[in-house]
Amino acid sequence: MYHILEEIELDLNFKILFVDDENTLNDTIKSLNNYLIITDREYPNIGHQFVLDDTPVNISKFKEKINIEFLKVKFNSQSEVKVSNYIIDLNSREMSEKKIRLKLTEKEINTIIFLSKSNKPVSVDELQKKVWSYQSDMETHTVETHIYRLRKKILNTFDDNEFIISKKNGYQIN
């Protein structure tokens, strides 16, 4: 099967690697971000497996199935963003630390992600423009109200009063 996949690798959304034993498989997985294991049997305690137990297969359908499986793996792996001590799951809109989870709105996630990408405090005007798409000349306290509520949710759930900090020139992730 490896040689067939190697021949059609250009039609696939991923790189093909050959692994012939379970120890090498475990070592290889540790060095990869995204992977899909195509095998004839299921390995316990190893994720992202596509078990090929129905042979022979139509090669076009096979390419389509493994591309879909790999895209699922890639989508799931890209959905998690680490911000400070927390994991933000973009798909489920949750923020978690250890086993504690907090549901967030899309705007709250966008605010956290935007703040986390900045090395300096972000002004209210910039948040209004970039996260809320408001004009800076509008008189509104939307940003301050959302930040206040978000900080309160984080404090109540994680007992963290220092995640989003206020500076004289804006807000910043600590």
Protein backbone atom coordinates (compact mmCIF):
# COMPACT_ATOMS: atom_id res chain seq x y z
CA MET A 1 0.00 0.00 0.00
CA TYR A 2 2.88 2.37 0.80
CA HIS A 3 4.22 2.16 -2.75
CA ILE A 4 0.79 2.97 -4.22
CA LEU A 5 0.44 5.98 -1.91
CA GLU A 6 3.96 7.06 -2.75
CA GLU A 7 3.05 7.07 -6.46
CA ILE A 8 -0.03 9.25 -5.92
CA GLU A 9 1.48 11.51 -3.25
CA LEU A 10 1.13 14.59 -5.46
CA ASP A 11 -2.66 14.10 -5.46
CA LEU A 12 -2.77 13.98 -1.67
CA ASN A 13 -2.78 16.82 0.87
CA PHE A 14 0.01 15.35 2.96
CA LYS A 15 3.42 13.68 2.94
CA ILE A 16 3.74 9.89 2.91
CA LEU A 17 6.04 8.20 5.43
CA PHE A 18 6.65 4.49 5.81
CA VAL A 19 6.76 2.95 9.28
CA ASP A 20 7.03 -0.81 9.71
CA ASP A 21 6.78 -1.34 13.47
CA GLU A 22 4.82 0.10 16.40
CA ASN A 23 7.86 1.53 18.25
CA THR A 24 8.95 3.50 15.18
CA LEU A 25 5.35 4.59 14.72
CA ASN A 26 5.19 6.01 18.26
CA ASP A 27 8.53 7.81 17.78
CA THR A 28 7.44 9.23 14.42
CA ILE A 29 4.12 10.53 15.80
CA LYS A 30 5.94 12.49 18.51
CA SER A 31 7.80 14.50 15.85
CA LEU A 32 4.73 15.36 13.74
CA ASN A 33 2.07 18.04 14.21
CA ASN A 34 -0.54 16.61 11.85
CA TYR A 35 -0.63 12.99 10.86
CA LEU A 36 -2.98 10.31 9.58
CA ILE A 37 -2.14 6.66 10.01
CA ILE A 38 -3.36 4.37 7.26
CA THR A 39 -3.24 0.82 8.46
CA ASP A 40 -4.89 -2.56 8.07
CA ARG A 41 -5.58 -2.83 11.81
CA GLU A 42 -6.33 -0.38 14.62
CA TYR A 43 -3.56 0.47 17.06
CA PRO A 44 -4.72 1.12 20.63
CA ASN A 45 -3.84 4.50 22.21
CA ILE A 46 -2.92 6.09 18.88
CA GLY A 47 -5.14 8.74 17.33
CA HIS A 48 -5.82 9.79 13.76
CA GLN A 49 -6.13 6.34 12.25
CA PHE A 50 -7.73 5.37 8.96
CA VAL A 51 -8.20 1.61 9.04
CA LEU A 52 -8.20 0.13 5.57
CA ASP A 53 -10.01 -3.14 6.15
CA ASP A 54 -12.14 -3.26 2.99
CA THR A 55 -9.87 -4.24 0.10
CA PRO A 56 -9.61 -4.06 -2.84
CA VAL A 57 -10.53 -0.40 -3.11
CA ASN A 58 -11.19 2.00 -5.94
CA ILE A 59 -8.11 4.27 -5.99
CA SER A 60 -10.14 7.44 -6.68
CA LYS A 61 -12.45 6.81 -3.75
CA PHE A 62 -9.46 5.88 -1.62
CA LYS A 63 -7.69 9.18 -2.41
CA GLU A 64 -10.87 11.07 -1.62
CA LYS A 65 -11.40 9.25 1.70
CA ILE A 66 -7.86 9.74 2.97
CA ASN A 67 -7.83 13.39 1.90
CA ILE A 68 -11.06 13.94 3.83
CA GLU A 69 -9.69 12.15 6.90
CA PHE A 70 -6.50 14.20 6.80
CA LEU A 71 -8.43 17.45 6.42
CA LYS A 72 -10.48 16.51 9.50
CA VAL A 73 -7.28 15.93 11.48
CA LYS A 74 -5.79 19.20 10.26
CA PHE A 75 -9.00 21.13 11.05
CA ASN A 76 -9.14 19.74 14.58
CA SER A 77 -5.47 20.41 15.27
CA GLN A 78 -5.74 24.01 14.05
CA SER A 79 -8.75 24.69 16.21
CA GLU A 80 -6.76 24.87 19.43
CA VAL A 81 -4.78 27.99 20.27
CA LYS A 82 -2.60 28.32 23.36
CA VAL A 83 -2.88 31.70 25.06
CA SER A 84 -0.94 32.11 28.29
CA ASN A 85 -1.88 29.12 30.50
CA TYR A 86 -5.09 28.44 28.60
CA ILE A 87 -6.20 26.53 25.53
CA ILE A 88 -8.78 28.25 23.34
CA ASP A 89 -10.83 25.79 21.28
CA LEU A 90 -12.08 27.78 18.30
CA ASN A 91 -14.55 25.08 17.23
CA SER A 92 -16.35 24.66 20.54
CA ARG A 93 -15.71 28.27 21.63
CA GLU A 94 -14.28 27.17 24.94
CA MET A 95 -11.36 28.29 27.03
CA SER A 96 -9.83 25.64 29.26
CA GLU A 97 -7.16 25.10 31.83
CA LYS A 98 -6.61 21.56 33.04
CA LYS A 99 -10.17 20.19 33.26
CA ILE A 100 -11.94 23.50 33.84
CA ARG A 101 -13.84 24.84 30.82
CA LEU A 102 -15.45 28.19 30.11
CA LYS A 103 -17.87 28.83 27.24
CA LEU A 104 -17.09 32.03 25.33
CA THR A 105 -18.84 34.06 22.67
CA GLU A 106 -17.29 34.52 19.27
CA LYS A 107 -16.54 38.17 20.08
CA GLU A 108 -14.82 37.16 23.34
CA ILE A 109 -12.64 34.65 21.49
CA ASN A 110 -11.82 37.22 18.80
CA THR A 111 -10.87 39.71 21.51
CA ILE A 112 -8.59 37.24 23.30
CA ILE A 113 -6.92 36.10 20.06
CA PHE A 114 -6.43 39.70 18.88
CA LEU A 115 -4.94 40.75 22.23
CA SER A 116 -2.69 37.67 22.36
CA LYS A 117 -1.15 38.50 18.97
CA SER A 118 -0.02 41.93 20.15
CA ASN A 119 3.23 42.46 22.05
CA LYS A 120 2.04 45.81 23.38
CA PRO A 121 -1.18 47.07 24.92
CA VAL A 122 -4.04 47.42 22.43
CA SER A 123 -6.06 50.63 22.60
CA VAL A 124 -9.85 50.75 22.83
CA ASP A 125 -9.93 52.49 19.42
CA GLU A 126 -7.92 49.70 17.80
CA LEU A 127 -10.16 47.01 19.35
CA GLN A 128 -13.23 48.92 18.13
CA LYS A 129 -11.85 48.96 14.59
CA LYS A 130 -10.33 45.49 14.38
CA VAL A 131 -12.68 43.34 16.50
CA TRP A 132 -15.98 45.27 16.44
CA SER A 133 -15.54 47.10 13.10
CA TYR A 134 -16.66 50.39 14.67
CA GLN A 135 -15.33 53.77 13.67
CA SER A 136 -13.04 55.34 16.25
CA ASP A 137 -15.03 58.58 16.33
CA MET A 138 -18.11 56.78 17.67
CA GLU A 139 -18.85 57.35 21.33
CA THR A 140 -19.30 53.85 22.72
CA HIS A 141 -18.24 51.82 25.71
CA THR A 142 -18.72 48.48 23.95
CA VAL A 143 -15.07 47.44 24.29
CA GLU A 144 -14.80 48.38 27.95
CA THR A 145 -18.08 46.61 28.77
CA HIS A 146 -17.05 43.43 26.93
CA ILE A 147 -13.59 43.39 28.50
CA TYR A 148 -15.12 43.94 31.95
CA ARG A 149 -17.56 41.03 31.48
CA LEU A 150 -14.90 38.77 29.99
CA ARG A 151 -12.49 39.46 32.85
CA LYS A 152 -15.29 38.74 35.33
CA LYS A 153 -16.10 35.39 33.62
CA ILE A 154 -12.42 34.40 33.70
CA LEU A 155 -12.09 35.44 37.34
CA ASN A 156 -15.20 33.48 38.37
CA THR A 157 -14.18 30.34 36.44
CA PHE A 158 -10.39 30.24 36.75
CA ASP A 159 -9.81 32.59 39.69
CA ASP A 160 -7.49 34.58 37.43
CA ASN A 161 -7.65 38.34 37.78
CA GLU A 162 -4.46 38.92 35.76
CA PHE A 163 -5.25 37.31 32.36
CA ILE A 164 -6.34 40.54 30.67
CA ILE A 165 -4.66 43.52 32.24
CA SER A 166 -5.41 47.22 31.82
CA LYS A 167 -2.56 49.54 30.96
CA LYS A 168 -2.77 53.30 30.56
CA ASN A 169 -2.78 52.91 26.77
CA GLY A 170 -4.99 49.81 26.39
CA TYR A 171 -5.48 46.14 27.24
CA GLN A 172 -3.00 43.29 27.15
CA ILE A 173 -2.88 39.55 27.79
CA ASN A 174 -0.60 38.91 30.75
